[in-house]
């Protein structure tokens, strides 16, 4: 069964969207690991420098949760903002529906 042009375009667009979402997920995952490792090793270094038990490690690990959530939100928001259709632009199908009295 061969796909028509419209179905092929939709399949290509869906594949592109899926690959983009997978890339965003990978990016967020890598950033999370980097932030947590930096907090851990930075805390260990500060603990050895100031001869404290695990005070800085615990503080930085707790702070890394907040930093990770903020970075995750920022990355996902900036990536998904590219998918949003500008409000001032209507697609051809929306314009045809408006011409026929339908709301988009």
C-alpha atoms as a PDB file:
ATOM      1  CA  UNK A   1       0.000   0.000   0.000  1.00  0.00           C
ATOM      2  CA  UNK A   2       1.557   3.288  -1.034  1.00  0.00           C
ATOM      3  CA  UNK A   3       0.933   6.508   0.781  1.00  0.00           C
ATOM      4  CA  UNK A   4      -0.580   9.486  -0.944  1.00  0.00           C
ATOM      5  CA  UNK A   5       1.264  12.813  -0.866  1.00  0.00           C
ATOM      6  CA  UNK A   6      -0.796  14.172   2.010  1.00  0.00           C
ATOM      7  CA  UNK A   7      -0.339  11.039   4.131  1.00  0.00           C
ATOM      8  CA  UNK A   8       3.364  10.979   3.357  1.00  0.00           C
ATOM      9  CA  UNK A   9       3.716  14.626   4.419  1.00  0.00           C
ATOM     10  CA  UNK A  10       1.870  13.934   7.675  1.00  0.00           C
ATOM     11  CA  UNK A  11       4.029  10.894   8.353  1.00  0.00           C
ATOM     12  CA  UNK A  12       7.205  12.899   7.703  1.00  0.00           C
ATOM     13  CA  UNK A  13       5.997  15.735   9.943  1.00  0.00           C
ATOM     14  CA  UNK A  14       5.110  13.286  12.721  1.00  0.00           C
ATOM     15  CA  UNK A  15       8.503  11.594  12.436  1.00  0.00           C
ATOM     16  CA  UNK A  16      10.227  14.971  12.593  1.00  0.00           C
ATOM     17  CA  UNK A  17       8.216  15.935  15.680  1.00  0.00           C
ATOM     18  CA  UNK A  18       9.033  12.640  17.391  1.00  0.00           C
ATOM     19  CA  UNK A  19      12.750  13.023  16.687  1.00  0.00           C
ATOM     20  CA  UNK A  20      12.687  16.575  18.020  1.00  0.00           C
ATOM     21  CA  UNK A  21      10.920  15.499  21.207  1.00  0.00           C
ATOM     22  CA  UNK A  22      13.417  12.665  21.664  1.00  0.00           C
ATOM     23  CA  UNK A  23      16.284  15.144  21.282  1.00  0.00           C
ATOM     24  CA  UNK A  24      14.727  17.475  23.861  1.00  0.00           C
ATOM     25  CA  UNK A  25      14.288  14.576  26.279  1.00  0.00           C
ATOM     26  CA  UNK A  26      17.903  13.539  25.816  1.00  0.00           C
ATOM     27  CA  UNK A  27      19.107  17.082  26.315  1.00  0.00           C
ATOM     28  CA  UNK A  28      17.115  17.484  29.542  1.00  0.00           C
ATOM     29  CA  UNK A  29      18.389  14.140  30.817  1.00  0.00           C
ATOM     30  CA  UNK A  30      22.020  15.008  30.131  1.00  0.00           C
ATOM     31  CA  UNK A  31      21.676  18.427  31.749  1.00  0.00           C
ATOM     32  CA  UNK A  32      20.113  16.837  34.834  1.00  0.00           C
ATOM     33  CA  UNK A  33      22.996  14.399  35.212  1.00  0.00           C
ATOM     34  CA  UNK A  34      25.584  17.160  34.704  1.00  0.00           C
ATOM     35  CA  UNK A  35      23.966  19.432  37.304  1.00  0.00           C
ATOM     36  CA  UNK A  36      23.677  16.660  39.900  1.00  0.00           C
ATOM     37  CA  UNK A  37      27.266  15.496  39.362  1.00  0.00           C
ATOM     38  CA  UNK A  38      28.562  19.072  39.556  1.00  0.00           C
ATOM     39  CA  UNK A  39      26.664  19.600  42.822  1.00  0.00           C
ATOM     40  CA  UNK A  40      27.975  16.345  44.273  1.00  0.00           C
ATOM     41  CA  UNK A  41      31.615  16.841  43.362  1.00  0.00           C
ATOM     42  CA  UNK A  42      31.478  20.560  44.204  1.00  0.00           C
ATOM     43  CA  UNK A  43      30.015  19.718  47.611  1.00  0.00           C
ATOM     44  CA  UNK A  44      32.646  17.044  48.241  1.00  0.00           C
ATOM     45  CA  UNK A  45      35.382  19.488  47.285  1.00  0.00           C
ATOM     46  CA  UNK A  46      33.997  22.202  49.589  1.00  0.00           C
ATOM     47  CA  UNK A  47      33.600  19.684  52.418  1.00  0.00           C
ATOM     48  CA  UNK A  48      37.244  18.648  52.113  1.00  0.00           C
ATOM     49  CA  UNK A  49      38.378  22.260  51.765  1.00  0.00           C
ATOM     50  CA  UNK A  50      36.557  23.454  54.904  1.00  0.00           C
ATOM     51  CA  UNK A  51      36.886  20.122  56.762  1.00  0.00           C
ATOM     52  CA  UNK A  52      33.147  19.725  57.304  1.00  0.00           C
ATOM     53  CA  UNK A  53      31.400  16.361  57.372  1.00  0.00           C
ATOM     54  CA  UNK A  54      28.904  16.517  54.509  1.00  0.00           C
ATOM     55  CA  UNK A  55      27.300  19.902  55.008  1.00  0.00           C
ATOM     56  CA  UNK A  56      28.144  21.414  51.634  1.00  0.00           C
ATOM     57  CA  UNK A  57      27.376  18.205  49.760  1.00  0.00           C
ATOM     58  CA  UNK A  58      23.893  18.015  51.255  1.00  0.00           C
ATOM     59  CA  UNK A  59      23.206  21.718  50.671  1.00  0.00           C
ATOM     60  CA  UNK A  60      24.374  21.602  47.047  1.00  0.00           C
ATOM     61  CA  UNK A  61      22.477  18.366  46.336  1.00  0.00           C
ATOM     62  CA  UNK A  62      19.252  19.929  47.648  1.00  0.00           C
ATOM     63  CA  UNK A  63      19.935  23.110  45.654  1.00  0.00           C
ATOM     64  CA  UNK A  64      20.614  21.022  42.542  1.00  0.00           C
ATOM     65  CA  UNK A  65      17.015  19.776  42.577  1.00  0.00           C
ATOM     66  CA  UNK A  66      15.743  23.335  42.259  1.00  0.00           C
ATOM     67  CA  UNK A  67      18.318  24.226  39.621  1.00  0.00           C
ATOM     68  CA  UNK A  68      17.496  21.078  37.658  1.00  0.00           C
ATOM     69  CA  UNK A  69      13.770  21.849  37.675  1.00  0.00           C
ATOM     70  CA  UNK A  70      14.363  25.435  36.518  1.00  0.00           C
ATOM     71  CA  UNK A  71      16.743  24.345  33.739  1.00  0.00           C
ATOM     72  CA  UNK A  72      14.352  21.582  32.664  1.00  0.00           C
ATOM     73  CA  UNK A  73      11.439  24.010  32.480  1.00  0.00           C
ATOM     74  CA  UNK A  74      13.515  26.564  30.538  1.00  0.00           C
ATOM     75  CA  UNK A  75      14.777  24.006  27.980  1.00  0.00           C
ATOM     76  CA  UNK A  76      11.353  22.490  27.383  1.00  0.00           C
ATOM     77  CA  UNK A  77       9.658  25.883  27.183  1.00  0.00           C
ATOM     78  CA  UNK A  78      12.178  27.266  24.693  1.00  0.00           C
ATOM     79  CA  UNK A  79      11.984  24.125  22.559  1.00  0.00           C
ATOM     80  CA  UNK A  80       8.201  23.904  22.547  1.00  0.00           C
ATOM     81  CA  UNK A  81       7.787  27.591  21.786  1.00  0.00           C
ATOM     82  CA  UNK A  82       9.091  26.805  18.302  1.00  0.00           C
ATOM     83  CA  UNK A  83       6.141  24.470  17.747  1.00  0.00           C
ATOM     84  CA  UNK A  84       3.479  27.003  18.645  1.00  0.00           C
ATOM     85  CA  UNK A  85       1.751  28.661  15.707  1.00  0.00           C
ATOM     86  CA  UNK A  86       1.932  32.450  15.905  1.00  0.00           C
ATOM     87  CA  UNK A  87      -1.481  33.816  16.877  1.00  0.00           C
ATOM     88  CA  UNK A  88      -1.510  36.350  14.036  1.00  0.00           C
ATOM     89  CA  UNK A  89      -1.114  33.707  11.348  1.00  0.00           C
ATOM     90  CA  UNK A  90      -3.921  31.404  10.303  1.00  0.00           C
ATOM     91  CA  UNK A  91      -3.380  28.344   8.191  1.00  0.00           C
ATOM     92  CA  UNK A  92      -5.027  28.074   4.782  1.00  0.00           C
ATOM     93  CA  UNK A  93      -7.582  25.613   6.186  1.00  0.00           C
ATOM     94  CA  UNK A  94      -8.479  28.006   9.028  1.00  0.00           C
ATOM     95  CA  UNK A  95      -8.966  30.849   6.549  1.00  0.00           C
ATOM     96  CA  UNK A  96     -11.227  28.699   4.384  1.00  0.00           C
ATOM     97  CA  UNK A  97     -13.272  27.760   7.447  1.00  0.00           C
ATOM     98  CA  UNK A  98     -13.604  31.419   8.390  1.00  0.00           C
ATOM     99  CA  UNK A  99     -14.796  32.201   4.851  1.00  0.00           C
ATOM    100  CA  UNK A 100     -17.530  29.588   5.259  1.00  0.00           C
ATOM    101  CA  UNK A 101     -18.596  31.019   8.628  1.00  0.00           C
ATOM    102  CA  UNK A 102     -16.848  28.414  10.795  1.00  0.00           C
ATOM    103  CA  UNK A 103     -14.649  29.392  13.716  1.00  0.00           C
ATOM    104  CA  UNK A 104     -11.156  27.850  13.857  1.00  0.00           C
END
